[in-house]
Amino acid sequence: MQVLELVTFRLNTANGEDFLAANAAVNAWASRQPGFVSRTLSEGEGGQWTDMVIWASDAHAKAAAAEMNQVMQDFPAMMMIDPQSIVMQHSAIRIVA
């Protein structure tokens, strides 16, 4: 069963355009991970960002999250995020329309 990884956060002092440009490396990394399906990054009002990644399974999602925790310092985009603002959750996808 596919799993949605939903992460909300705010940026630290970085601006949105720099953050978006730096995400090319994150996209390349994610697309190489086993079980990766898709990624969507959105910016809401008030500076809230939402990163939605779909994984083939819960095991793939958790393995990728653990790997990212090990290598996140290698990605400038990850260093632009306020770590105190990060909220991550995984949930089983039940309906796709």
C-alpha atoms as a PDB file:
ATOM      1  CA  MET A   1       0.000   0.000   0.000  1.00  0.00           C
ATOM      2  CA  GLN A   2       1.345   3.430  -0.931  1.00  0.00           C
ATOM      3  CA  VAL A   3       2.221   5.852   1.855  1.00  0.00           C
ATOM      4  CA  LEU A   4       2.061   9.639   1.974  1.00  0.00           C
ATOM      5  CA  GLU A   5       4.891  11.364   3.802  1.00  0.00           C
ATOM      6  CA  LEU A   6       3.662  14.809   4.801  1.00  0.00           C
ATOM      7  CA  VAL A   7       6.172  17.278   6.214  1.00  0.00           C
ATOM      8  CA  THR A   8       5.336  20.843   7.203  1.00  0.00           C
ATOM      9  CA  PHE A   9       7.964  23.414   8.109  1.00  0.00           C
ATOM     10  CA  ARG A  10       9.120  27.019   7.883  1.00  0.00           C
ATOM     11  CA  LEU A  11      12.346  28.333   6.453  1.00  0.00           C
ATOM     12  CA  ASN A  12      15.002  29.908   8.608  1.00  0.00           C
ATOM     13  CA  THR A  13      16.535  33.060   7.104  1.00  0.00           C
ATOM     14  CA  ALA A  14      16.582  31.704   3.526  1.00  0.00           C
ATOM     15  CA  ASN A  15      14.261  33.133   0.905  1.00  0.00           C
ATOM     16  CA  GLY A  16      11.810  30.969  -0.992  1.00  0.00           C
ATOM     17  CA  GLU A  17      13.472  31.287  -4.392  1.00  0.00           C
ATOM     18  CA  ASP A  18      16.845  30.129  -3.054  1.00  0.00           C
ATOM     19  CA  PHE A  19      15.111  27.268  -1.266  1.00  0.00           C
ATOM     20  CA  LEU A  20      13.293  26.161  -4.417  1.00  0.00           C
ATOM     21  CA  ALA A  21      16.485  26.252  -6.465  1.00  0.00           C
ATOM     22  CA  ALA A  22      18.320  24.206  -3.821  1.00  0.00           C
ATOM     23  CA  ASN A  23      15.614  21.538  -3.962  1.00  0.00           C
ATOM     24  CA  ALA A  24      16.867  20.234  -7.320  1.00  0.00           C
ATOM     25  CA  ALA A  25      19.433  18.169  -5.397  1.00  0.00           C
ATOM     26  CA  VAL A  26      16.768  16.883  -3.000  1.00  0.00           C
ATOM     27  CA  ASN A  27      14.560  15.858  -5.931  1.00  0.00           C
ATOM     28  CA  ALA A  28      17.447  14.006  -7.563  1.00  0.00           C
ATOM     29  CA  TRP A  29      18.230  12.197  -4.300  1.00  0.00           C
ATOM     30  CA  ALA A  30      14.583  11.281  -3.644  1.00  0.00           C
ATOM     31  CA  SER A  31      14.041   9.950  -7.151  1.00  0.00           C
ATOM     32  CA  ARG A  32      16.927   7.497  -6.625  1.00  0.00           C
ATOM     33  CA  GLN A  33      15.456   6.059  -3.426  1.00  0.00           C
ATOM     34  CA  PRO A  34      13.778   2.653  -3.587  1.00  0.00           C
ATOM     35  CA  GLY A  35      10.006   2.978  -3.584  1.00  0.00           C
ATOM     36  CA  PHE A  36       9.890   6.660  -4.559  1.00  0.00           C
ATOM     37  CA  VAL A  37       6.713   7.562  -6.472  1.00  0.00           C
ATOM     38  CA  SER A  38       6.400  11.374  -6.493  1.00  0.00           C
ATOM     39  CA  ARG A  39       7.123  14.596  -4.615  1.00  0.00           C
ATOM     40  CA  THR A  40       5.201  17.864  -4.386  1.00  0.00           C
ATOM     41  CA  LEU A  41       6.462  20.942  -2.551  1.00  0.00           C
ATOM     42  CA  SER A  42       4.080  23.808  -1.816  1.00  0.00           C
ATOM     43  CA  GLU A  43       4.229  27.159  -0.038  1.00  0.00           C
ATOM     44  CA  GLY A  44       1.227  28.378   1.925  1.00  0.00           C
ATOM     45  CA  GLU A  45       0.305  31.670   3.455  1.00  0.00           C
ATOM     46  CA  GLY A  46       2.458  32.903   6.293  1.00  0.00           C
ATOM     47  CA  GLY A  47       5.582  31.032   5.188  1.00  0.00           C
ATOM     48  CA  GLN A  48       4.342  27.502   5.898  1.00  0.00           C
ATOM     49  CA  TRP A  49       5.800  24.939   3.482  1.00  0.00           C
ATOM     50  CA  THR A  50       4.425  21.457   2.822  1.00  0.00           C
ATOM     51  CA  ASP A  51       6.456  18.627   1.325  1.00  0.00           C
ATOM     52  CA  MET A  52       4.344  15.678   0.142  1.00  0.00           C
ATOM     53  CA  VAL A  53       6.144  12.531  -0.941  1.00  0.00           C
ATOM     54  CA  ILE A  54       4.448   9.343  -2.038  1.00  0.00           C
ATOM     55  CA  TRP A  55       6.277   6.070  -1.375  1.00  0.00           C
ATOM     56  CA  ALA A  56       5.431   2.570  -2.579  1.00  0.00           C
ATOM     57  CA  SER A  57       5.173   1.317   1.016  1.00  0.00           C
ATOM     58  CA  ASP A  58       5.589   2.265   4.645  1.00  0.00           C
ATOM     59  CA  ALA A  59       8.922   0.435   4.740  1.00  0.00           C
ATOM     60  CA  HIS A  60      10.209   2.521   1.803  1.00  0.00           C
ATOM     61  CA  ALA A  61       9.021   5.752   3.450  1.00  0.00           C
ATOM     62  CA  LYS A  62      10.701   4.947   6.755  1.00  0.00           C
ATOM     63  CA  ALA A  63      13.932   3.805   5.108  1.00  0.00           C
ATOM     64  CA  ALA A  64      14.144   7.023   3.066  1.00  0.00           C
ATOM     65  CA  ALA A  65      13.412   9.181   6.137  1.00  0.00           C
ATOM     66  CA  ALA A  66      16.172   7.411   8.068  1.00  0.00           C
ATOM     67  CA  GLU A  67      18.593   7.866   5.159  1.00  0.00           C
ATOM     68  CA  MET A  68      17.705  11.565   4.844  1.00  0.00           C
ATOM     69  CA  ASN A  69      18.419  12.035   8.547  1.00  0.00           C
ATOM     70  CA  GLN A  70      21.927  10.690   7.878  1.00  0.00           C
ATOM     71  CA  VAL A  71      22.680  12.847   4.813  1.00  0.00           C
ATOM     72  CA  MET A  72      20.576  15.989   5.283  1.00  0.00           C
ATOM     73  CA  GLN A  73      23.623  18.133   6.096  1.00  0.00           C
ATOM     74  CA  ASP A  74      24.797  17.429   2.530  1.00  0.00           C
ATOM     75  CA  PHE A  75      21.808  19.324   1.092  1.00  0.00           C
ATOM     76  CA  PRO A  76      21.756  23.141   1.234  1.00  0.00           C
ATOM     77  CA  ALA A  77      17.937  23.059   0.990  1.00  0.00           C
ATOM     78  CA  MET A  78      17.691  21.083   4.234  1.00  0.00           C
ATOM     79  CA  MET A  79      19.932  23.586   5.994  1.00  0.00           C
ATOM     80  CA  MET A  80      17.489  26.370   5.025  1.00  0.00           C
ATOM     81  CA  ILE A  81      14.695  24.802   7.110  1.00  0.00           C
ATOM     82  CA  ASP A  82      14.031  25.831  10.701  1.00  0.00           C
ATOM     83  CA  PRO A  83      14.462  22.452  12.463  1.00  0.00           C
ATOM     84  CA  GLN A  84      12.145  23.483  15.316  1.00  0.00           C
ATOM     85  CA  SER A  85       9.264  23.919  12.853  1.00  0.00           C
ATOM     86  CA  ILE A  86       9.381  20.449  11.248  1.00  0.00           C
ATOM     87  CA  VAL A  87       6.372  18.168  11.651  1.00  0.00           C
ATOM     88  CA  MET A  88       6.471  14.825   9.795  1.00  0.00           C
ATOM     89  CA  GLN A  89       3.824  12.169   9.490  1.00  0.00           C
ATOM     90  CA  HIS A  90       3.266   9.059   7.407  1.00  0.00           C
ATOM     91  CA  SER A  91      -0.172   7.783   6.436  1.00  0.00           C
ATOM     92  CA  ALA A  92      -1.526   5.008   4.241  1.00  0.00           C
ATOM     93  CA  ILE A  93      -3.099   6.249   1.011  1.00  0.00           C
ATOM     94  CA  ARG A  94      -6.653   4.925   0.818  1.00  0.00           C
ATOM     95  CA  ILE A  95      -8.123   6.774  -2.182  1.00  0.00           C
ATOM     96  CA  VAL A  96      -6.529   8.343  -5.247  1.00  0.00           C
ATOM     97  CA  ALA A  97      -8.800  10.212  -7.627  1.00  0.00           C
END
